[in-house]
Amino acid sequence: MKSNPLAVRNPEFRCADVDGTMAIEVGLEISHPSSGSKSSRLNNLFISTSSGGYPMKLAVRLNTLEDKWHTIDEEISSISIQIPGDYEAMGLVGCLQHIGLMSLPIYGRMNNSEEE
């Protein structure tokens, strides 16, 4: 994750194999807690399609009190999202564990509309 201003320096956890071989690459970095504060941990989620994938479109909602989503009209090749907090770190790791379960044969097959 070269020159990413939100990249976590010396992370405690990294699941980011962004080597340019996949059309879409996803990475996650979680920092060491730097103090006793629950918001001291930094988490960075990174998504890239710059290695041959289609450009992404992006929509953001600025606060939870408004329903309006804002879109960015330019084509996006990489996104980096910094999320502070210990609870958020645990949530991101839990999400990755659930995604990992999807690849196990005992978990079940993915839905395939062609088989219906």
Protein backbone atom coordinates (compact mmCIF):
# COMPACT_ATOMS: atom_id res chain seq x y z
CA MET A 1 0.00 0.00 0.00
CA LYS A 2 2.52 2.48 -1.25
CA SER A 3 2.12 6.12 -0.29
CA ASN A 4 -1.36 5.61 1.18
CA PRO A 5 -1.74 8.46 3.70
CA LEU A 6 -4.16 6.37 5.80
CA ALA A 7 -2.02 3.21 5.88
CA VAL A 8 -1.30 1.87 9.36
CA ARG A 9 2.39 2.02 10.22
CA ASN A 10 3.72 -1.13 11.95
CA PRO A 11 0.29 -2.81 12.24
CA GLU A 12 -0.56 -5.48 14.80
CA PHE A 13 -2.67 -7.29 12.17
CA ARG A 14 -2.40 -7.13 8.38
CA CYS A 15 -4.38 -9.03 5.81
CA ALA A 16 -3.30 -7.22 2.70
CA ASP A 17 -1.76 -9.05 -0.20
CA VAL A 18 -1.95 -6.29 -2.76
CA ASP A 19 0.47 -7.59 -5.36
CA GLY A 20 -1.21 -6.57 -8.60
CA THR A 21 -2.37 -10.04 -9.71
CA MET A 22 -6.10 -9.81 -8.97
CA ALA A 23 -8.71 -7.60 -10.64
CA ILE A 24 -9.99 -6.55 -7.20
CA GLU A 25 -7.75 -6.51 -4.15
CA VAL A 26 -8.89 -5.95 -0.57
CA GLY A 27 -6.71 -5.36 2.46
CA LEU A 28 -7.13 -4.64 6.14
CA GLU A 29 -4.63 -3.25 8.64
CA ILE A 30 -5.19 -2.89 12.38
CA SER A 31 -2.77 -0.96 14.59
CA HIS A 32 -1.57 -1.75 18.08
CA PRO A 33 -3.58 0.13 20.72
CA SER A 34 -1.37 3.16 21.43
CA SER A 35 -2.98 4.11 24.74
CA GLY A 36 -5.70 2.99 27.12
CA SER A 37 -8.29 4.87 25.07
CA LYS A 38 -10.71 2.66 23.13
CA SER A 39 -10.40 4.98 20.12
CA SER A 40 -6.59 4.84 19.97
CA ARG A 41 -6.52 1.83 17.62
CA LEU A 42 -6.57 2.69 13.91
CA ASN A 43 -8.03 0.39 11.27
CA ASN A 44 -7.54 0.83 7.54
CA LEU A 45 -9.67 -0.92 4.93
CA PHE A 46 -8.23 -0.77 1.42
CA ILE A 47 -9.92 -1.75 -1.87
CA SER A 48 -8.29 -1.49 -5.28
CA THR A 49 -9.24 -2.35 -8.86
CA SER A 50 -6.19 -0.65 -10.37
CA SER A 51 -4.66 -3.96 -11.54
CA GLY A 52 -7.05 -4.54 -14.42
CA GLY A 53 -10.43 -4.41 -12.69
CA TYR A 54 -13.27 -2.12 -13.66
CA PRO A 55 -13.26 1.33 -12.04
CA MET A 56 -15.40 1.63 -8.92
CA LYS A 57 -18.17 4.10 -8.19
CA LEU A 58 -18.40 5.62 -4.73
CA ALA A 59 -21.27 6.94 -2.63
CA VAL A 60 -20.93 8.30 0.90
CA ARG A 61 -23.37 9.47 3.54
CA LEU A 62 -21.91 12.31 5.58
CA ASN A 63 -23.81 11.62 8.80
CA THR A 64 -26.35 9.15 10.12
CA LEU A 65 -29.00 11.83 10.63
CA GLU A 66 -29.45 12.48 6.93
CA ASP A 67 -30.69 10.06 4.33
CA LYS A 68 -28.92 11.71 1.41
CA TRP A 69 -26.05 9.87 -0.22
CA HIS A 70 -23.41 11.80 -2.17
CA THR A 71 -21.76 10.23 -5.19
CA ILE A 72 -18.36 10.93 -6.69
CA ASP A 73 -18.73 11.25 -10.45
CA GLU A 74 -15.14 10.32 -11.26
CA GLU A 75 -14.02 6.74 -11.80
CA ILE A 76 -12.22 5.40 -8.72
CA SER A 77 -9.41 2.84 -8.82
CA SER A 78 -8.52 2.66 -5.10
CA ILE A 79 -10.29 3.42 -1.82
CA SER A 80 -8.78 3.67 1.64
CA ILE A 81 -11.01 4.01 4.69
CA GLN A 82 -9.65 4.73 8.18
CA ILE A 83 -11.88 3.59 11.05
CA PRO A 84 -10.75 4.31 14.64
CA GLY A 85 -11.60 2.13 17.62
CA ASP A 86 -11.10 -1.20 19.40
CA TYR A 87 -14.68 -2.40 18.89
CA GLU A 88 -14.44 -1.53 15.23
CA ALA A 89 -11.22 -3.55 14.94
CA MET A 90 -12.94 -6.59 16.46
CA GLY A 91 -15.87 -6.10 14.07
CA LEU A 92 -13.60 -5.95 11.02
CA VAL A 93 -11.71 -9.12 12.05
CA GLY A 94 -15.04 -10.88 12.72
CA CYS A 95 -16.26 -9.88 9.27
CA LEU A 96 -13.11 -11.32 7.67
CA GLN A 97 -13.62 -14.56 9.60
CA HIS A 98 -17.18 -14.84 8.26
CA ILE A 99 -15.97 -14.14 4.73
CA GLY A 100 -13.32 -16.85 5.19
CA LEU A 101 -16.06 -19.32 6.16
CA MET A 102 -17.68 -18.76 2.77
CA SER A 103 -14.71 -20.46 1.12
CA LEU A 104 -15.05 -23.69 3.16
CA PRO A 105 -16.91 -26.60 1.48
CA ILE A 106 -18.67 -27.47 4.74
CA TYR A 107 -20.16 -23.99 5.07
CA GLY A 108 -22.20 -24.37 1.92
CA ARG A 109 -22.19 -23.45 -1.70
CA MET A 110 -22.68 -19.93 -2.94
CA ASN A 111 -26.02 -19.27 -4.63
CA ASN A 112 -25.78 -19.72 -8.36
CA SER A 113 -28.71 -18.42 -10.39
CA GLU A 114 -27.84 -20.77 -13.30
CA GLU A 115 -28.66 -23.85 -11.17
CA GLU A 116 -32.21 -22.77 -10.34
